[in-house]
Amino acid sequence: MNQQQVITNTITVGTVGQIEYFQMLLPYDVERIIGFEVVVSMWSAPPAIKAFFIIRPPHAVDSRFIVMPNVHFGRLMLQIPGCPGIIYQGDVVEDGNIHMGENLANTHWQPAVWSHNTRRTEISLNVANPDFIEGIFRNDWTGSSAYVLTIHLWIEKKM
């Protein structure tokens, strides 16, 4: 059985159009890349639960059925130098509809990113002694505050 490990890289993003190049060093005994997670953290604290009971007008639309737009933060690309192709290329998006599909007994509690975490991407990639992974992130978010992008790379090491 092989040992799993997580390698983390953090990027502070503050300006529109900012392009960040980064490298994630891999241990010498890495055998396989299992997957990765991307987490976006805003500088402000997570929202608190404002009320336990929500009073609605008699014919108002239930907020659980309103579809909200997703927030697009930027584009992420990961690759291994010397290997043809790209491991991952895609958009970093905050799911604006995390409340959809929830079957909770307490309808007065709203699920949020800090309670339901984020989407993970699972890949299986056998590598031949790579030293590092290269990454490029391009910020497309036009918001006024800075945020932190954290990438967690899951690897499997030889025993």
N, C-alpha and C. Protein backbone atom coordinates (compact mmCIF):
# COMPACT_ATOMS: atom_id res chain seq x y z
N MET A 1 0.84 -1.18 0.00
CA MET A 1 0.00 0.00 0.00
C MET A 1 0.89 1.25 0.00
N ASN A 2 0.57 2.18 -0.84
CA ASN A 2 1.36 3.41 -0.95
C ASN A 2 0.85 4.48 0.00
N GLN A 3 1.72 5.41 0.30
CA GLN A 3 1.39 6.50 1.20
C GLN A 3 0.90 7.70 0.39
N GLN A 4 -0.18 8.35 0.86
CA GLN A 4 -0.70 9.54 0.19
C GLN A 4 -0.22 10.79 0.92
N GLN A 5 -0.05 11.86 0.14
CA GLN A 5 0.42 13.12 0.70
C GLN A 5 -0.24 14.26 -0.07
N VAL A 6 -0.36 15.40 0.58
CA VAL A 6 -0.93 16.59 -0.05
C VAL A 6 0.14 17.67 -0.11
N ILE A 7 0.30 18.27 -1.29
CA ILE A 7 1.22 19.40 -1.47
C ILE A 7 0.34 20.63 -1.73
N THR A 8 0.60 21.71 -1.01
CA THR A 8 -0.24 22.90 -1.08
C THR A 8 0.54 24.08 -1.62
N ASN A 9 -0.13 24.87 -2.47
CA ASN A 9 0.45 26.11 -2.99
C ASN A 9 -0.60 27.20 -2.87
N THR A 10 -0.20 28.37 -2.38
CA THR A 10 -1.12 29.48 -2.16
C THR A 10 -0.70 30.68 -2.99
N ILE A 11 -1.68 31.31 -3.64
CA ILE A 11 -1.45 32.49 -4.48
C ILE A 11 -2.38 33.60 -4.00
N THR A 12 -1.83 34.79 -3.77
CA THR A 12 -2.65 35.96 -3.45
C THR A 12 -2.93 36.72 -4.73
N VAL A 13 -4.21 36.93 -5.01
CA VAL A 13 -4.64 37.57 -6.25
C VAL A 13 -5.33 38.88 -5.89
N GLY A 14 -4.90 39.97 -6.53
CA GLY A 14 -5.46 41.26 -6.17
C GLY A 14 -5.84 42.17 -7.31
N THR A 15 -5.32 41.94 -8.52
CA THR A 15 -5.62 42.85 -9.62
C THR A 15 -6.25 42.09 -10.79
N VAL A 16 -7.09 42.78 -11.52
CA VAL A 16 -7.75 42.19 -12.68
C VAL A 16 -6.70 41.94 -13.77
N GLY A 17 -6.76 40.77 -14.37
CA GLY A 17 -5.80 40.42 -15.42
C GLY A 17 -4.47 39.91 -14.90
N GLN A 18 -4.32 39.78 -13.60
CA GLN A 18 -3.07 39.29 -13.01
C GLN A 18 -2.81 37.86 -13.48
N ILE A 19 -1.59 37.58 -13.91
CA ILE A 19 -1.19 36.25 -14.31
C ILE A 19 -0.10 35.77 -13.37
N GLU A 20 -0.33 34.64 -12.74
CA GLU A 20 0.62 34.08 -11.78
C GLU A 20 1.18 32.77 -12.31
N TYR A 21 2.50 32.68 -12.40
CA TYR A 21 3.18 31.44 -12.74
C TYR A 21 3.73 30.87 -11.45
N PHE A 22 3.54 29.58 -11.22
CA PHE A 22 4.02 28.98 -9.99
C PHE A 22 4.51 27.55 -10.28
N GLN A 23 5.30 27.04 -9.34
CA GLN A 23 5.80 25.68 -9.41
C GLN A 23 5.49 24.99 -8.09
N MET A 24 5.09 23.73 -8.18
CA MET A 24 4.84 22.91 -7.00
C MET A 24 5.88 21.80 -7.00
N LEU A 25 6.85 21.87 -6.07
CA LEU A 25 7.90 20.87 -5.99
C LEU A 25 7.33 19.54 -5.52
N LEU A 26 7.76 18.47 -6.16
CA LEU A 26 7.31 17.13 -5.82
C LEU A 26 8.42 16.37 -5.11
N PRO A 27 8.09 15.50 -4.17
CA PRO A 27 9.13 14.69 -3.53
C PRO A 27 9.76 13.71 -4.53
N TYR A 28 10.95 13.26 -4.22
CA TYR A 28 11.68 12.39 -5.14
C TYR A 28 11.02 11.03 -5.32
N ASP A 29 10.20 10.59 -4.36
CA ASP A 29 9.61 9.26 -4.42
C ASP A 29 8.13 9.27 -4.83
N VAL A 30 7.70 10.29 -5.57
CA VAL A 30 6.32 10.34 -6.03
C VAL A 30 6.11 9.29 -7.13
N GLU A 31 5.02 8.59 -7.03
CA GLU A 31 4.70 7.55 -8.01
C GLU A 31 3.53 7.96 -8.89
N ARG A 32 2.54 8.61 -8.29
CA ARG A 32 1.33 8.89 -9.03
C ARG A 32 0.68 10.16 -8.50
N ILE A 33 0.08 10.93 -9.39
CA ILE A 33 -0.73 12.09 -9.00
C ILE A 33 -2.17 11.61 -8.98
N ILE A 34 -2.84 11.79 -7.85
CA ILE A 34 -4.19 11.27 -7.68
C ILE A 34 -5.23 12.31 -8.08
N GLY A 35 -5.05 13.55 -7.64
CA GLY A 35 -6.06 14.57 -7.90
C GLY A 35 -5.65 15.89 -7.30
N PHE A 36 -6.54 16.86 -7.38
CA PHE A 36 -6.25 18.16 -6.79
C PHE A 36 -7.54 18.86 -6.41
N GLU A 37 -7.40 19.85 -5.54
CA GLU A 37 -8.51 20.69 -5.10
C GLU A 37 -8.11 22.14 -5.28
N VAL A 38 -9.05 22.98 -5.65
CA VAL A 38 -8.82 24.42 -5.76
C VAL A 38 -9.81 25.11 -4.83
N VAL A 39 -9.29 25.95 -3.93
CA VAL A 39 -10.12 26.65 -2.96
C VAL A 39 -9.89 28.15 -3.11
N VAL A 40 -10.97 28.91 -3.21
CA VAL A 40 -10.90 30.37 -3.25
C VAL A 40 -11.37 30.90 -1.91
N SER A 41 -10.53 31.70 -1.24
CA SER A 41 -10.87 32.28 0.06
C SER A 41 -10.82 33.78 -0.07
N MET A 42 -11.91 34.43 0.28
CA MET A 42 -11.95 35.88 0.27
C MET A 42 -11.32 36.40 1.54
N TRP A 43 -10.85 37.65 1.51
CA TRP A 43 -10.22 38.24 2.68
C TRP A 43 -11.22 38.46 3.80
N SER A 44 -12.49 38.64 3.45
CA SER A 44 -13.49 38.86 4.49
C SER A 44 -13.88 37.52 5.11
N ALA A 45 -14.46 37.59 6.30
CA ALA A 45 -14.86 36.38 7.02
C ALA A 45 -16.08 35.76 6.35
N PRO A 46 -16.31 34.45 6.55
CA PRO A 46 -17.50 33.82 5.98
C PRO A 46 -18.76 34.42 6.59
N PRO A 47 -19.83 34.44 5.82
CA PRO A 47 -21.06 35.06 6.33
C PRO A 47 -21.64 34.25 7.49
N ALA A 48 -22.17 34.96 8.45
CA ALA A 48 -22.79 34.30 9.59
C ALA A 48 -24.25 34.02 9.26
N ILE A 49 -24.84 33.08 9.97
CA ILE A 49 -26.26 32.82 9.77
C ILE A 49 -27.02 34.00 10.35
N LYS A 50 -27.81 34.67 9.52
CA LYS A 50 -28.44 35.93 9.93
C LYS A 50 -29.70 35.69 10.76
N ALA A 51 -30.47 34.70 10.40
CA ALA A 51 -31.70 34.45 11.14
C ALA A 51 -32.04 32.96 11.06
N PHE A 52 -32.66 32.48 12.10
CA PHE A 52 -33.05 31.07 12.08
C PHE A 52 -34.40 30.89 11.40
N PHE A 53 -35.21 31.93 11.41
CA PHE A 53 -36.53 31.85 10.78
C PHE A 53 -36.67 32.95 9.76
N ILE A 54 -37.08 32.57 8.57
CA ILE A 54 -37.28 33.54 7.49
C ILE A 54 -38.77 33.70 7.27
N ILE A 55 -39.25 34.93 7.35
CA ILE A 55 -40.67 35.19 7.14
C ILE A 55 -40.85 35.62 5.69
N ARG A 56 -41.73 34.91 4.97
CA ARG A 56 -41.97 35.19 3.56
C ARG A 56 -43.39 35.69 3.37
N PRO A 57 -43.59 36.60 2.41
CA PRO A 57 -44.96 36.98 2.05
C PRO A 57 -45.72 35.75 1.53
N PRO A 58 -47.03 35.75 1.55
CA PRO A 58 -47.80 34.55 1.21
C PRO A 58 -47.53 33.99 -0.20
N HIS A 59 -47.31 34.82 -1.20
CA HIS A 59 -47.14 34.34 -2.57
C HIS A 59 -45.72 34.59 -3.10
N ALA A 60 -44.77 34.71 -2.24
CA ALA A 60 -43.39 34.95 -2.67
C ALA A 60 -42.77 33.64 -3.18
N VAL A 61 -41.79 33.78 -4.07
CA VAL A 61 -41.07 32.61 -4.59
C VAL A 61 -40.09 32.14 -3.52
N ASP A 62 -40.07 30.86 -3.29
CA ASP A 62 -39.16 30.28 -2.31
C ASP A 62 -37.73 30.48 -2.79
N SER A 63 -36.87 31.02 -1.93
CA SER A 63 -35.49 31.33 -2.32
C SER A 63 -34.70 30.09 -2.70
N ARG A 64 -35.13 28.90 -2.26
CA ARG A 64 -34.42 27.67 -2.61
C ARG A 64 -34.59 27.30 -4.09
N PHE A 65 -35.54 27.92 -4.77
CA PHE A 65 -35.78 27.60 -6.18
C PHE A 65 -35.25 28.66 -7.13
N ILE A 66 -34.59 29.67 -6.62
CA ILE A 66 -34.03 30.73 -7.47
C ILE A 66 -32.62 30.33 -7.90
N VAL A 67 -32.37 30.36 -9.21
CA VAL A 67 -31.06 29.99 -9.75
C VAL A 67 -30.20 31.24 -9.80
N MET A 68 -29.06 31.18 -9.14
CA MET A 68 -28.15 32.32 -9.09
C MET A 68 -27.00 32.11 -10.08
N PRO A 69 -26.40 33.19 -10.60
CA PRO A 69 -25.26 33.02 -11.51
C PRO A 69 -24.01 32.57 -10.76
N ASN A 70 -23.16 31.81 -11.43
CA ASN A 70 -21.87 31.41 -10.86
C ASN A 70 -20.88 32.57 -10.98
N VAL A 71 -19.91 32.61 -10.07
CA VAL A 71 -18.89 33.66 -10.08
C VAL A 71 -17.63 33.07 -10.71
N HIS A 72 -17.17 33.67 -11.80
CA HIS A 72 -15.98 33.22 -12.51
C HIS A 72 -14.77 33.98 -11.97
N PHE A 73 -13.78 33.24 -11.40
CA PHE A 73 -12.60 33.88 -10.84
C PHE A 73 -11.43 33.92 -11.83
N GLY A 74 -11.25 32.87 -12.61
CA GLY A 74 -10.12 32.87 -13.54
C GLY A 74 -9.93 31.51 -14.18
N ARG A 75 -8.77 31.34 -14.80
CA ARG A 75 -8.46 30.11 -15.53
C ARG A 75 -7.16 29.52 -14.98
N LEU A 76 -7.16 28.21 -14.74
CA LEU A 76 -6.02 27.51 -14.17
C LEU A 76 -5.52 26.46 -15.15
N MET A 77 -4.19 26.36 -15.27
CA MET A 77 -3.58 25.34 -16.11
C MET A 77 -2.44 24.70 -15.34
N LEU A 78 -2.37 23.35 -15.37
CA LEU A 78 -1.31 22.60 -14.72
C LEU A 78 -0.67 21.66 -15.73
N GLN A 79 0.66 21.56 -15.70
CA GLN A 79 1.37 20.63 -16.58
C GLN A 79 2.68 20.19 -15.95
N ILE A 80 3.22 19.07 -16.47
CA ILE A 80 4.51 18.56 -16.02
C ILE A 80 5.53 18.90 -17.10
N PRO A 81 6.61 19.61 -16.77
CA PRO A 81 7.62 19.95 -17.77
C PRO A 81 8.23 18.68 -18.38
N GLY A 82 8.41 18.70 -19.68
CA GLY A 82 9.01 17.57 -20.37
C GLY A 82 8.01 16.52 -20.81
N CYS A 83 6.77 16.60 -20.32
CA CYS A 83 5.73 15.66 -20.73
C CYS A 83 4.77 16.38 -21.68
N PRO A 84 4.43 15.73 -22.78
CA PRO A 84 3.49 16.38 -23.70
C PRO A 84 2.10 16.46 -23.09
N GLY A 85 1.42 17.53 -23.37
CA GLY A 85 0.06 17.69 -22.90
C GLY A 85 -0.05 18.43 -21.58
N ILE A 86 -1.28 18.66 -21.19
CA ILE A 86 -1.60 19.42 -19.98
C ILE A 86 -2.37 18.50 -19.04
N ILE A 87 -2.02 18.52 -17.76
CA ILE A 87 -2.74 17.71 -16.77
C ILE A 87 -4.17 18.22 -16.62
N TYR A 88 -4.28 19.53 -16.42
CA TYR A 88 -5.60 20.13 -16.19
C TYR A 88 -5.62 21.53 -16.75
N GLN A 89 -6.75 21.90 -17.36
CA GLN A 89 -6.98 23.26 -17.80
C GLN A 89 -8.47 23.52 -17.67
N GLY A 90 -8.81 24.54 -16.91
CA GLY A 90 -10.23 24.82 -16.69
C GLY A 90 -10.45 26.10 -15.92
N ASP A 91 -11.71 26.45 -15.77
CA ASP A 91 -12.09 27.67 -15.08
C ASP A 91 -12.25 27.42 -13.59
N VAL A 92 -11.87 28.41 -12.79
CA VAL A 92 -12.10 28.39 -11.35
C VAL A 92 -13.38 29.18 -11.12
N VAL A 93 -14.41 28.48 -10.68
CA VAL A 93 -15.74 29.05 -10.58
C VAL A 93 -16.31 28.76 -9.19
N GLU A 94 -16.95 29.78 -8.61
CA GLU A 94 -17.69 29.57 -7.37
C GLU A 94 -19.11 29.19 -7.73
N ASP A 95 -19.58 28.10 -7.18
CA ASP A 95 -20.93 27.62 -7.45
C ASP A 95 -21.93 28.51 -6.73
N GLY A 96 -22.71 29.26 -7.49
CA GLY A 96 -23.72 30.14 -6.91
C GLY A 96 -24.98 29.41 -6.50
N ASN A 97 -25.08 28.13 -6.80
CA ASN A 97 -26.29 27.36 -6.53
C ASN A 97 -26.00 26.15 -5.64
N ILE A 98 -25.19 26.41 -4.62
CA ILE A 98 -24.84 25.32 -3.70
C ILE A 98 -26.06 24.84 -2.93
N HIS A 99 -27.09 25.67 -2.88
CA HIS A 99 -28.32 25.32 -2.16
C HIS A 99 -29.21 24.37 -2.94
N MET A 100 -28.98 24.19 -4.24
CA MET A 100 -29.82 23.33 -5.06
C MET A 100 -29.58 21.86 -4.70
N GLY A 101 -30.64 21.11 -4.65
CA GLY A 101 -30.53 19.68 -4.40
C GLY A 101 -30.36 19.31 -2.94
N GLU A 102 -30.46 20.28 -2.04
CA GLU A 102 -30.33 19.98 -0.62
C GLU A 102 -31.67 19.50 -0.08
N ASN A 103 -31.66 18.38 0.58
CA ASN A 103 -32.87 17.85 1.21
C ASN A 103 -32.65 17.86 2.71
N LEU A 104 -32.74 19.04 3.28
CA LEU A 104 -32.46 19.20 4.71
C LEU A 104 -33.78 19.31 5.47
N ALA A 105 -33.79 18.75 6.67
CA ALA A 105 -35.00 18.80 7.48
C ALA A 105 -35.29 20.22 7.93
N ASN A 106 -34.24 20.98 8.25
CA ASN A 106 -34.42 22.36 8.70
C ASN A 106 -34.34 23.28 7.49
N THR A 107 -35.46 23.77 7.02
CA THR A 107 -35.49 24.61 5.83
C THR A 107 -35.06 26.04 6.11
N HIS A 108 -34.80 26.37 7.35
CA HIS A 108 -34.40 27.74 7.69
C HIS A 108 -32.89 27.91 7.71
N TRP A 109 -32.16 26.86 7.43
CA TRP A 109 -30.70 26.91 7.39
C TRP A 109 -30.23 26.85 5.95
N GLN A 110 -29.40 27.79 5.54
CA GLN A 110 -28.89 27.85 4.17
C GLN A 110 -27.50 27.25 4.09
N PRO A 111 -27.28 26.22 3.25
CA PRO A 111 -25.93 25.70 3.07
C PRO A 111 -25.05 26.74 2.39
N ALA A 112 -23.76 26.70 2.68
CA ALA A 112 -22.82 27.66 2.08
C ALA A 112 -21.51 26.93 1.77
N VAL A 113 -20.61 27.63 1.08
CA VAL A 113 -19.34 27.02 0.68
C VAL A 113 -18.56 26.56 1.91
N TRP A 114 -18.58 27.35 2.99
CA TRP A 114 -17.81 26.99 4.17
C TRP A 114 -18.42 25.83 4.92
N SER A 115 -19.64 25.44 4.61
CA SER A 115 -20.24 24.27 5.26
C SER A 115 -20.24 23.04 4.35
N HIS A 116 -20.15 23.25 3.03
CA HIS A 116 -20.21 22.13 2.09
C HIS A 116 -18.93 21.98 1.28
N ASN A 117 -17.91 22.74 1.57
CA ASN A 117 -16.60 22.66 0.93
C ASN A 117 -16.71 22.99 -0.55
N THR A 118 -15.82 22.45 -1.37
CA THR A 118 -15.77 22.81 -2.79
C THR A 118 -15.64 21.56 -3.64
N ARG A 119 -15.74 21.74 -4.94
CA ARG A 119 -15.62 20.63 -5.87
C ARG A 119 -14.17 20.19 -5.97
N ARG A 120 -13.97 18.89 -6.02
CA ARG A 120 -12.63 18.33 -6.17
C ARG A 120 -12.53 17.69 -7.55
N THR A 121 -11.34 17.69 -8.11
CA THR A 121 -11.11 17.03 -9.39
C THR A 121 -10.22 15.83 -9.15
N GLU A 122 -10.69 14.67 -9.56
CA GLU A 122 -9.90 13.46 -9.38
C GLU A 122 -9.30 13.04 -10.71
N ILE A 123 -8.00 12.86 -10.71
CA ILE A 123 -7.29 12.39 -11.90
C ILE A 123 -6.39 11.24 -11.48
N SER A 124 -5.97 10.45 -12.41
CA SER A 124 -5.00 9.40 -12.13
C SER A 124 -3.91 9.51 -13.18
N LEU A 125 -2.73 9.89 -12.75
CA LEU A 125 -1.65 10.16 -13.68
C LEU A 125 -0.37 9.52 -13.14
N ASN A 126 0.15 8.54 -13.85
CA ASN A 126 1.43 7.94 -13.48
C ASN A 126 2.54 8.82 -14.04
N VAL A 127 3.51 9.15 -13.22
CA VAL A 127 4.58 10.06 -13.63
C VAL A 127 5.92 9.37 -13.50
N ALA A 128 6.85 9.76 -14.33
CA ALA A 128 8.20 9.18 -14.32
C ALA A 128 9.19 10.17 -13.73
N ASN A 129 9.31 10.17 -12.42
CA ASN A 129 10.27 11.00 -11.68
C ASN A 129 10.23 12.49 -12.03
N PRO A 130 9.09 13.14 -11.92
CA PRO A 130 9.07 14.58 -12.16
C PRO A 130 9.61 15.33 -10.95
N ASP A 131 10.22 16.47 -11.20
CA ASP A 131 10.74 17.29 -10.11
C ASP A 131 9.68 18.26 -9.58
N PHE A 132 8.85 18.76 -10.49
CA PHE A 132 7.85 19.75 -10.10
C PHE A 132 6.72 19.78 -11.13
N ILE A 133 5.66 20.48 -10.76
CA ILE A 133 4.53 20.74 -11.66
C ILE A 133 4.47 22.24 -11.87
N GLU A 134 4.29 22.66 -13.11
CA GLU A 134 4.13 24.07 -13.44
C GLU A 134 2.66 24.42 -13.47
N GLY A 135 2.38 25.63 -13.06
CA GLY A 135 1.00 26.10 -13.10
C GLY A 135 0.94 27.56 -13.51
N ILE A 136 -0.15 27.91 -14.18
CA ILE A 136 -0.42 29.30 -14.55
C ILE A 136 -1.86 29.59 -14.18
N PHE A 137 -2.08 30.70 -13.48
CA PHE A 137 -3.43 31.15 -13.15
C PHE A 137 -3.61 32.56 -13.67
N ARG A 138 -4.71 32.79 -14.40
CA ARG A 138 -5.05 34.12 -14.91
C ARG A 138 -6.31 34.59 -14.21
N ASN A 139 -6.24 35.74 -13.54
CA ASN A 139 -7.37 36.30 -12.81
C ASN A 139 -8.30 37.03 -13.77
N ASP A 140 -9.56 36.64 -13.77
CA ASP A 140 -10.57 37.32 -14.57
C ASP A 140 -11.63 38.00 -13.73
N TRP A 141 -11.52 37.86 -12.40
CA TRP A 141 -12.54 38.41 -11.52
C TRP A 141 -12.38 39.93 -11.41
N THR A 142 -13.46 40.65 -11.53
CA THR A 142 -13.41 42.12 -11.52
C THR A 142 -13.87 42.69 -10.18
N GLY A 143 -13.93 41.88 -9.16
CA GLY A 143 -14.34 42.35 -7.84
C GLY A 143 -13.32 43.29 -7.24
N SER A 144 -13.74 43.99 -6.19
CA SER A 144 -12.88 45.03 -5.62
C SER A 144 -11.91 44.50 -4.57
N SER A 145 -12.16 43.33 -4.02
CA SER A 145 -11.27 42.85 -2.96
C SER A 145 -10.35 41.75 -3.46
N ALA A 146 -9.24 41.58 -2.76
CA ALA A 146 -8.28 40.54 -3.09
C ALA A 146 -8.78 39.20 -2.55
N TYR A 147 -8.25 38.12 -3.09
CA TYR A 147 -8.59 36.80 -2.59
C TYR A 147 -7.37 35.90 -2.67
N VAL A 148 -7.47 34.75 -2.03
CA VAL A 148 -6.38 33.79 -1.98
C VAL A 148 -6.83 32.52 -2.70
N LEU A 149 -6.01 32.06 -3.64
CA LEU A 149 -6.27 30.83 -4.37
C LEU A 149 -5.33 29.77 -3.81
N THR A 150 -5.87 28.67 -3.29
CA THR A 150 -5.08 27.59 -2.73
C THR A 150 -5.28 26.34 -3.55
N ILE A 151 -4.18 25.72 -3.97
CA ILE A 151 -4.23 24.50 -4.76
C ILE A 151 -3.63 23.38 -3.92
N HIS A 152 -4.41 22.32 -3.72
CA HIS A 152 -3.97 21.14 -2.99
C HIS A 152 -3.78 20.02 -4.01
N LEU A 153 -2.57 19.52 -4.13
CA LEU A 153 -2.24 18.46 -5.07
C LEU A 153 -2.06 17.16 -4.29
N TRP A 154 -2.89 16.16 -4.59
CA TRP A 154 -2.82 14.87 -3.91
C TRP A 154 -1.91 13.94 -4.70
N ILE A 155 -0.92 13.37 -4.01
CA ILE A 155 0.02 12.46 -4.67
C ILE A 155 0.09 11.15 -3.88
N GLU A 156 0.62 10.14 -4.56
CA GLU A 156 0.87 8.86 -3.93
C GLU A 156 2.37 8.59 -4.01
N LYS A 157 2.96 8.26 -2.87
CA LYS A 157 4.41 8.04 -2.82
C LYS A 157 4.71 6.55 -2.78
N LYS A 158 5.90 6.19 -3.28
CA LYS A 158 6.35 4.80 -3.26
C LYS A 158 6.69 4.41 -1.83
N MET A 159 6.45 3.17 -1.52
CA MET A 159 6.77 2.66 -0.18
C MET A 159 8.09 1.94 -0.20
